[in-house]
Amino acid sequence: PVRMPTLQWISPLSFSPGLFATGALIAIFFFWGW
């Protein structure tokens, strides 16, 4: 792979509050519409 998948990709400890908010606001767009 271009990047080797690791558990850090989905670890809550990898996020700061600001980083989580930034990613979540964009990710919400993925799910909107249901």
ModelCIF file with pLDDT and N, C-alpha, C, O atoms, coordinates in Angstrom:
data_MODEL
#
_entry.id   MODEL 
#
_entity.id                         1 
_entity.type                       polymer 
_entity.pdbx_number_of_molecules   1 
#
_entity_poly.entity_id                      1 
_entity_poly.type                           'polypeptide(L)' 
_entity_poly.nstd_linkage                   no 
_entity_poly.nstd_monomer                   no 
_entity_poly.pdbx_seq_one_letter_code       PVRMPTLQWISPLSFSPGLFATGALIAIFFFWGW 
_entity_poly.pdbx_seq_one_letter_code_can   PVRMPTLQWISPLSFSPGLFATGALIAIFFFWGW 
_entity_poly.pdbx_strand_id                 A 
#
loop_
_entity_poly_seq.entity_id 
_entity_poly_seq.num 
_entity_poly_seq.mon_id 
_entity_poly_seq.hetero 
1 1  PRO n 
1 2  VAL n 
1 3  ARG n 
1 4  MET n 
1 5  PRO n 
1 6  THR n 
1 7  LEU n 
1 8  GLN n 
1 9  TRP n 
1 10 ILE n 
1 11 SER n 
1 12 PRO n 
1 13 LEU n 
1 14 SER n 
1 15 PHE n 
1 16 SER n 
1 17 PRO n 
1 18 GLY n 
1 19 LEU n 
1 20 PHE n 
1 21 ALA n 
1 22 THR n 
1 23 GLY n 
1 24 ALA n 
1 25 LEU n 
1 26 ILE n 
1 27 ALA n 
1 28 ILE n 
1 29 PHE n 
1 30 PHE n 
1 31 PHE n 
1 32 TRP n 
1 33 GLY n 
1 34 TRP n 
#
_struct_asym.id          A 
_struct_asym.entity_id   1 
#
loop_
_ma_qa_metric.id 
_ma_qa_metric.mode 
_ma_qa_metric.name 
_ma_qa_metric.software_group_id 
_ma_qa_metric.type 
1 global pLDDT . pLDDT 
2 local  pLDDT . pLDDT 
#
_ma_qa_metric_global.metric_id      1 
_ma_qa_metric_global.metric_value   85.53 
_ma_qa_metric_global.model_id       1 
_ma_qa_metric_global.ordinal_id     1 
#
loop_
_ma_qa_metric_local.label_asym_id 
_ma_qa_metric_local.label_comp_id 
_ma_qa_metric_local.label_seq_id 
_ma_qa_metric_local.metric_id 
_ma_qa_metric_local.metric_value 
_ma_qa_metric_local.model_id 
_ma_qa_metric_local.ordinal_id 
A PRO 1  2 91.00 1 1  
A VAL 2  2 89.00 1 2  
A ARG 3  2 90.00 1 3  
A MET 4  2 90.00 1 4  
A PRO 5  2 90.00 1 5  
A THR 6  2 91.00 1 6  
A LEU 7  2 90.00 1 7  
A GLN 8  2 90.00 1 8  
A TRP 9  2 92.00 1 9  
A ILE 10 2 90.00 1 10 
A SER 11 2 90.00 1 11 
A PRO 12 2 88.00 1 12 
A LEU 13 2 88.00 1 13 
A SER 14 2 88.00 1 14 
A PHE 15 2 86.00 1 15 
A SER 16 2 85.00 1 16 
A PRO 17 2 81.00 1 17 
A GLY 18 2 79.00 1 18 
A LEU 19 2 84.00 1 19 
A PHE 20 2 84.00 1 20 
A ALA 21 2 81.00 1 21 
A THR 22 2 80.00 1 22 
A GLY 23 2 84.00 1 23 
A ALA 24 2 82.00 1 24 
A LEU 25 2 76.00 1 25 
A ILE 26 2 80.00 1 26 
A ALA 27 2 84.00 1 27 
A ILE 28 2 82.00 1 28 
A PHE 29 2 77.00 1 29 
A PHE 30 2 83.00 1 30 
A PHE 31 2 86.00 1 31 
A TRP 32 2 83.00 1 32 
A GLY 33 2 85.00 1 33 
A TRP 34 2 89.00 1 34 
#
loop_
_atom_site.group_PDB 
_atom_site.id 
_atom_site.type_symbol 
_atom_site.label_atom_id 
_atom_site.label_alt_id 
_atom_site.label_comp_id 
_atom_site.label_asym_id 
_atom_site.label_entity_id 
_atom_site.label_seq_id 
_atom_site.pdbx_PDB_ins_code 
_atom_site.Cartn_x 
_atom_site.Cartn_y 
_atom_site.Cartn_z 
_atom_site.occupancy 
_atom_site.B_iso_or_equiv 
_atom_site.pdbx_formal_charge 
_atom_site.auth_seq_id 
_atom_site.auth_comp_id 
_atom_site.auth_asym_id 
_atom_site.auth_atom_id 
_atom_site.pdbx_PDB_model_num 
ATOM 1   N N  . PRO A 1 1  ? 0.814   -1.222 0.000  1.00 91.00 ? 1  PRO A N  1 
ATOM 2   C CA . PRO A 1 1  ? 0.000   0.000  0.000  1.00 91.00 ? 1  PRO A CA 1 
ATOM 3   C C  . PRO A 1 1  ? 0.844   1.266  0.000  1.00 91.00 ? 1  PRO A C  1 
ATOM 4   O O  . PRO A 1 1  ? 2.001   1.254  0.418  1.00 91.00 ? 1  PRO A O  1 
ATOM 5   N N  . VAL A 1 2  ? 0.259   2.347  -0.467 1.00 89.00 ? 2  VAL A N  1 
ATOM 6   C CA . VAL A 1 2  ? 0.922   3.655  -0.377 1.00 89.00 ? 2  VAL A CA 1 
ATOM 7   C C  . VAL A 1 2  ? 1.113   4.022  1.089  1.00 89.00 ? 2  VAL A C  1 
ATOM 8   O O  . VAL A 1 2  ? 2.148   4.572  1.464  1.00 89.00 ? 2  VAL A O  1 
ATOM 9   N N  . ARG A 1 3  ? 0.126   3.724  1.909  1.00 90.00 ? 3  ARG A N  1 
ATOM 10  C CA . ARG A 1 3  ? 0.208   3.908  3.363  1.00 90.00 ? 3  ARG A CA 1 
ATOM 11  C C  . ARG A 1 3  ? -0.216  2.598  4.020  1.00 90.00 ? 3  ARG A C  1 
ATOM 12  O O  . ARG A 1 3  ? -1.221  2.003  3.629  1.00 90.00 ? 3  ARG A O  1 
ATOM 13  N N  . MET A 1 4  ? 0.527   2.157  4.992  1.00 90.00 ? 4  MET A N  1 
ATOM 14  C CA . MET A 1 4  ? 0.180   0.914  5.689  1.00 90.00 ? 4  MET A CA 1 
ATOM 15  C C  . MET A 1 4  ? -0.903  1.184  6.728  1.00 90.00 ? 4  MET A C  1 
ATOM 16  O O  . MET A 1 4  ? -0.679  1.974  7.645  1.00 90.00 ? 4  MET A O  1 
ATOM 17  N N  . PRO A 1 5  ? -2.065  0.557  6.612  1.00 90.00 ? 5  PRO A N  1 
ATOM 18  C CA . PRO A 1 5  ? -3.131  0.775  7.594  1.00 90.00 ? 5  PRO A CA 1 
ATOM 19  C C  . PRO A 1 5  ? -2.701  0.375  9.002  1.00 90.00 ? 5  PRO A C  1 
ATOM 20  O O  . PRO A 1 5  ? -2.061  -0.660 9.192  1.00 90.00 ? 5  PRO A O  1 
ATOM 21  N N  . THR A 1 6  ? -3.052  1.195  9.983  1.00 91.00 ? 6  THR A N  1 
ATOM 22  C CA . THR A 1 6  ? -2.768  0.903  11.386 1.00 91.00 ? 6  THR A CA 1 
ATOM 23  C C  . THR A 1 6  ? -3.992  1.249  12.225 1.00 91.00 ? 6  THR A C  1 
ATOM 24  O O  . THR A 1 6  ? -4.900  1.947  11.774 1.00 91.00 ? 6  THR A O  1 
ATOM 25  N N  . LEU A 1 7  ? -3.992  0.741  13.466 1.00 90.00 ? 7  LEU A N  1 
ATOM 26  C CA . LEU A 1 7  ? -5.095  1.033  14.373 1.00 90.00 ? 7  LEU A CA 1 
ATOM 27  C C  . LEU A 1 7  ? -5.128  2.506  14.776 1.00 90.00 ? 7  LEU A C  1 
ATOM 28  O O  . LEU A 1 7  ? -6.159  2.997  15.236 1.00 90.00 ? 7  LEU A O  1 
ATOM 29  N N  . GLN A 1 8  ? -4.002  3.220  14.606 1.00 90.00 ? 8  GLN A N  1 
ATOM 30  C CA . GLN A 1 8  ? -3.970  4.648  14.924 1.00 90.00 ? 8  GLN A CA 1 
ATOM 31  C C  . GLN A 1 8  ? -4.939  5.444  14.057 1.00 90.00 ? 8  GLN A C  1 
ATOM 32  O O  . GLN A 1 8  ? -5.390  6.518  14.454 1.00 90.00 ? 8  GLN A O  1 
ATOM 33  N N  . TRP A 1 9  ? -5.262  4.920  12.872 1.00 92.00 ? 9  TRP A N  1 
ATOM 34  C CA . TRP A 1 9  ? -6.198  5.601  11.974 1.00 92.00 ? 9  TRP A CA 1 
ATOM 35  C C  . TRP A 1 9  ? -7.582  5.745  12.607 1.00 92.00 ? 9  TRP A C  1 
ATOM 36  O O  . TRP A 1 9  ? -8.324  6.677  12.295 1.00 92.00 ? 9  TRP A O  1 
ATOM 37  N N  . ILE A 1 10 ? -7.921  4.806  13.505 1.00 90.00 ? 10 ILE A N  1 
ATOM 38  C CA . ILE A 1 10 ? -9.266  4.826  14.102 1.00 90.00 ? 10 ILE A CA 1 
ATOM 39  C C  . ILE A 1 10 ? -9.210  4.935  15.624 1.00 90.00 ? 10 ILE A C  1 
ATOM 40  O O  . ILE A 1 10 ? -10.211 4.694  16.299 1.00 90.00 ? 10 ILE A O  1 
ATOM 41  N N  . SER A 1 11 ? -8.049  5.296  16.167 1.00 90.00 ? 11 SER A N  1 
ATOM 42  C CA . SER A 1 11 ? -7.926  5.421  17.619 1.00 90.00 ? 11 SER A CA 1 
ATOM 43  C C  . SER A 1 11 ? -8.416  6.788  18.087 1.00 90.00 ? 11 SER A C  1 
ATOM 44  O O  . SER A 1 11 ? -7.977  7.807  17.555 1.00 90.00 ? 11 SER A O  1 
ATOM 45  N N  . PRO A 1 12 ? -9.310  6.833  19.066 1.00 88.00 ? 12 PRO A N  1 
ATOM 46  C CA . PRO A 1 12 ? -9.756  8.136  19.603 1.00 88.00 ? 12 PRO A CA 1 
ATOM 47  C C  . PRO A 1 12 ? -8.604  8.946  20.184 1.00 88.00 ? 12 PRO A C  1 
ATOM 48  O O  . PRO A 1 12 ? -8.661  10.175 20.215 1.00 88.00 ? 12 PRO A O  1 
ATOM 49  N N  . LEU A 1 13 ? -7.554  8.259  20.647 1.00 88.00 ? 13 LEU A N  1 
ATOM 50  C CA . LEU A 1 13 ? -6.413  8.944  21.246 1.00 88.00 ? 13 LEU A CA 1 
ATOM 51  C C  . LEU A 1 13 ? -5.585  9.709  20.215 1.00 88.00 ? 13 LEU A C  1 
ATOM 52  O O  . LEU A 1 13 ? -4.755  10.543 20.579 1.00 88.00 ? 13 LEU A O  1 
ATOM 53  N N  . SER A 1 14 ? -5.807  9.431  18.938 1.00 88.00 ? 14 SER A N  1 
ATOM 54  C CA . SER A 1 14 ? -5.062  10.120 17.884 1.00 88.00 ? 14 SER A CA 1 
ATOM 55  C C  . SER A 1 14 ? -5.593  11.521 17.614 1.00 88.00 ? 14 SER A C  1 
ATOM 56  O O  . SER A 1 14 ? -4.949  12.314 16.928 1.00 88.00 ? 14 SER A O  1 
ATOM 57  N N  . PHE A 1 15 ? -6.767  11.824 18.155 1.00 86.00 ? 15 PHE A N  1 
ATOM 58  C CA . PHE A 1 15 ? -7.424  13.098 17.855 1.00 86.00 ? 15 PHE A CA 1 
ATOM 59  C C  . PHE A 1 15 ? -7.261  14.092 18.988 1.00 86.00 ? 15 PHE A C  1 
ATOM 60  O O  . PHE A 1 15 ? -7.349  13.728 20.161 1.00 86.00 ? 15 PHE A O  1 
ATOM 61  N N  . SER A 1 16 ? -7.024  15.350 18.636 1.00 85.00 ? 16 SER A N  1 
ATOM 62  C CA . SER A 1 16 ? -7.218  16.462 19.555 1.00 85.00 ? 16 SER A CA 1 
ATOM 63  C C  . SER A 1 16 ? -8.648  16.964 19.336 1.00 85.00 ? 16 SER A C  1 
ATOM 64  O O  . SER A 1 16 ? -9.253  16.647 18.311 1.00 85.00 ? 16 SER A O  1 
ATOM 65  N N  . PRO A 1 17 ? -9.203  17.740 20.274 1.00 81.00 ? 17 PRO A N  1 
ATOM 66  C CA . PRO A 1 17 ? -10.568 18.253 20.060 1.00 81.00 ? 17 PRO A CA 1 
ATOM 67  C C  . PRO A 1 17 ? -10.710 19.039 18.757 1.00 81.00 ? 17 PRO A C  1 
ATOM 68  O O  . PRO A 1 17 ? -11.699 18.890 18.039 1.00 81.00 ? 17 PRO A O  1 
ATOM 69  N N  . GLY A 1 18 ? -9.712  19.879 18.457 1.00 79.00 ? 18 GLY A N  1 
ATOM 70  C CA . GLY A 1 18 ? -9.773  20.674 17.233 1.00 79.00 ? 18 GLY A CA 1 
ATOM 71  C C  . GLY A 1 18 ? -9.701  19.817 15.984 1.00 79.00 ? 18 GLY A C  1 
ATOM 72  O O  . GLY A 1 18 ? -10.420 20.058 15.014 1.00 79.00 ? 18 GLY A O  1 
ATOM 73  N N  . LEU A 1 19 ? -8.829  18.813 16.009 1.00 84.00 ? 19 LEU A N  1 
ATOM 74  C CA . LEU A 1 19 ? -8.680  17.926 14.853 1.00 84.00 ? 19 LEU A CA 1 
ATOM 75  C C  . LEU A 1 19 ? -9.939  17.108 14.636 1.00 84.00 ? 19 LEU A C  1 
ATOM 76  O O  . LEU A 1 19 ? -10.358 16.874 13.502 1.00 84.00 ? 19 LEU A O  1 
ATOM 77  N N  . PHE A 1 20 ? -10.538 16.676 15.739 1.00 84.00 ? 20 PHE A N  1 
ATOM 78  C CA . PHE A 1 20 ? -11.776 15.914 15.626 1.00 84.00 ? 20 PHE A CA 1 
ATOM 79  C C  . PHE A 1 20 ? -12.891 16.762 15.039 1.00 84.00 ? 20 PHE A C  1 
ATOM 80  O O  . PHE A 1 20 ? -13.636 16.308 14.172 1.00 84.00 ? 20 PHE A O  1 
ATOM 81  N N  . ALA A 1 21 ? -13.003 18.001 15.516 1.00 81.00 ? 21 ALA A N  1 
ATOM 82  C CA . ALA A 1 21 ? -14.059 18.892 15.025 1.00 81.00 ? 21 ALA A CA 1 
ATOM 83  C C  . ALA A 1 21 ? -13.884 19.174 13.540 1.00 81.00 ? 21 ALA A C  1 
ATOM 84  O O  . ALA A 1 21 ? -14.855 19.181 12.784 1.00 81.00 ? 21 ALA A O  1 
ATOM 85  N N  . THR A 1 22 ? -12.634 19.407 13.123 1.00 80.00 ? 22 THR A N  1 
ATOM 86  C CA . THR A 1 22 ? -12.370 19.697 11.712 1.00 80.00 ? 22 THR A CA 1 
ATOM 87  C C  . THR A 1 22 ? -12.742 18.509 10.830 1.00 80.00 ? 22 THR A C  1 
ATOM 88  O O  . THR A 1 22 ? -13.421 18.666 9.815  1.00 80.00 ? 22 THR A O  1 
ATOM 89  N N  . GLY A 1 23 ? -12.292 17.323 11.227 1.00 84.00 ? 23 GLY A N  1 
ATOM 90  C CA . GLY A 1 23 ? -12.592 16.139 10.428 1.00 84.00 ? 23 GLY A CA 1 
ATOM 91  C C  . GLY A 1 23 ? -14.060 15.785 10.443 1.00 84.00 ? 23 GLY A C  1 
ATOM 92  O O  . GLY A 1 23 ? -14.615 15.371 9.426  1.00 84.00 ? 23 GLY A O  1 
ATOM 93  N N  . ALA A 1 24 ? -14.699 15.946 11.603 1.00 82.00 ? 24 ALA A N  1 
ATOM 94  C CA . ALA A 1 24 ? -16.101 15.567 11.735 1.00 82.00 ? 24 ALA A CA 1 
ATOM 95  C C  . ALA A 1 24 ? -17.018 16.458 10.908 1.00 82.00 ? 24 ALA A C  1 
ATOM 96  O O  . ALA A 1 24 ? -17.996 15.982 10.333 1.00 82.00 ? 24 ALA A O  1 
ATOM 97  N N  . LEU A 1 25 ? -16.703 17.761 10.847 1.00 76.00 ? 25 LEU A N  1 
ATOM 98  C CA . LEU A 1 25 ? -17.558 18.667 10.083 1.00 76.00 ? 25 LEU A CA 1 
ATOM 99  C C  . LEU A 1 25 ? -17.587 18.279 8.609  1.00 76.00 ? 25 LEU A C  1 
ATOM 100 O O  . LEU A 1 25 ? -18.629 18.351 7.957  1.00 76.00 ? 25 LEU A O  1 
ATOM 101 N N  . ILE A 1 26 ? -16.431 17.866 8.092  1.00 80.00 ? 26 ILE A N  1 
ATOM 102 C CA . ILE A 1 26 ? -16.372 17.429 6.696  1.00 80.00 ? 26 ILE A CA 1 
ATOM 103 C C  . ILE A 1 26 ? -17.009 16.054 6.560  1.00 80.00 ? 26 ILE A C  1 
ATOM 104 O O  . ILE A 1 26 ? -17.729 15.790 5.597  1.00 80.00 ? 26 ILE A O  1 
ATOM 105 N N  . ALA A 1 27 ? -16.742 15.170 7.533  1.00 84.00 ? 27 ALA A N  1 
ATOM 106 C CA . ALA A 1 27 ? -17.274 13.807 7.459  1.00 84.00 ? 27 ALA A CA 1 
ATOM 107 C C  . ALA A 1 27 ? -18.793 13.786 7.528  1.00 84.00 ? 27 ALA A C  1 
ATOM 108 O O  . ALA A 1 27 ? -19.434 12.900 6.962  1.00 84.00 ? 27 ALA A O  1 
ATOM 109 N N  . ILE A 1 28 ? -19.372 14.766 8.227  1.00 82.00 ? 28 ILE A N  1 
ATOM 110 C CA . ILE A 1 28 ? -20.837 14.838 8.297  1.00 82.00 ? 28 ILE A CA 1 
ATOM 111 C C  . ILE A 1 28 ? -21.440 14.926 6.896  1.00 82.00 ? 28 ILE A C  1 
ATOM 112 O O  . ILE A 1 28 ? -22.516 14.391 6.631  1.00 82.00 ? 28 ILE A O  1 
ATOM 113 N N  . PHE A 1 29 ? -20.717 15.619 6.001  1.00 77.00 ? 29 PHE A N  1 
ATOM 114 C CA . PHE A 1 29 ? -21.190 15.762 4.622  1.00 77.00 ? 29 PHE A CA 1 
ATOM 115 C C  . PHE A 1 29 ? -21.305 14.405 3.938  1.00 77.00 ? 29 PHE A C  1 
ATOM 116 O O  . PHE A 1 29 ? -22.162 14.216 3.074  1.00 77.00 ? 29 PHE A O  1 
ATOM 117 N N  . PHE A 1 30 ? -20.433 13.441 4.324  1.00 83.00 ? 30 PHE A N  1 
ATOM 118 C CA . PHE A 1 30 ? -20.518 12.094 3.768  1.00 83.00 ? 30 PHE A CA 1 
ATOM 119 C C  . PHE A 1 30 ? -21.895 11.484 4.045  1.00 83.00 ? 30 PHE A C  1 
ATOM 120 O O  . PHE A 1 30 ? -22.511 10.880 3.168  1.00 83.00 ? 30 PHE A O  1 
ATOM 121 N N  . PHE A 1 31 ? -22.360 11.656 5.283  1.00 86.00 ? 31 PHE A N  1 
ATOM 122 C CA . PHE A 1 31 ? -23.553 10.928 5.726  1.00 86.00 ? 31 PHE A CA 1 
ATOM 123 C C  . PHE A 1 31 ? -24.854 11.667 5.499  1.00 86.00 ? 31 PHE A C  1 
ATOM 124 O O  . PHE A 1 31 ? -25.926 11.067 5.578  1.00 86.00 ? 31 PHE A O  1 
ATOM 125 N N  . TRP A 1 32 ? -24.781 12.952 5.220  1.00 83.00 ? 32 TRP A N  1 
ATOM 126 C CA . TRP A 1 32 ? -26.028 13.704 5.072  1.00 83.00 ? 32 TRP A CA 1 
ATOM 127 C C  . TRP A 1 32 ? -26.846 13.220 3.880  1.00 83.00 ? 32 TRP A C  1 
ATOM 128 O O  . TRP A 1 32 ? -26.291 12.907 2.826  1.00 83.00 ? 32 TRP A O  1 
ATOM 129 N N  . GLY A 1 33 ? -28.142 13.160 4.046  1.00 85.00 ? 33 GLY A N  1 
ATOM 130 C CA . GLY A 1 33 ? -29.037 12.807 2.953  1.00 85.00 ? 33 GLY A CA 1 
ATOM 131 C C  . GLY A 1 33 ? -29.916 11.612 3.249  1.00 85.00 ? 33 GLY A C  1 
ATOM 132 O O  . GLY A 1 33 ? -30.956 11.431 2.615  1.00 85.00 ? 33 GLY A O  1 
ATOM 133 N N  . TRP A 1 34 ? -29.498 10.769 4.233  1.00 89.00 ? 34 TRP A N  1 
ATOM 134 C CA . TRP A 1 34 ? -30.312 9.594  4.559  1.00 89.00 ? 34 TRP A CA 1 
ATOM 135 C C  . TRP A 1 34 ? -31.704 9.996  5.048  1.00 89.00 ? 34 TRP A C  1 
ATOM 136 O O  . TRP A 1 34 ? -32.520 9.131  5.366  1.00 89.00 ? 34 TRP A O  1 
#
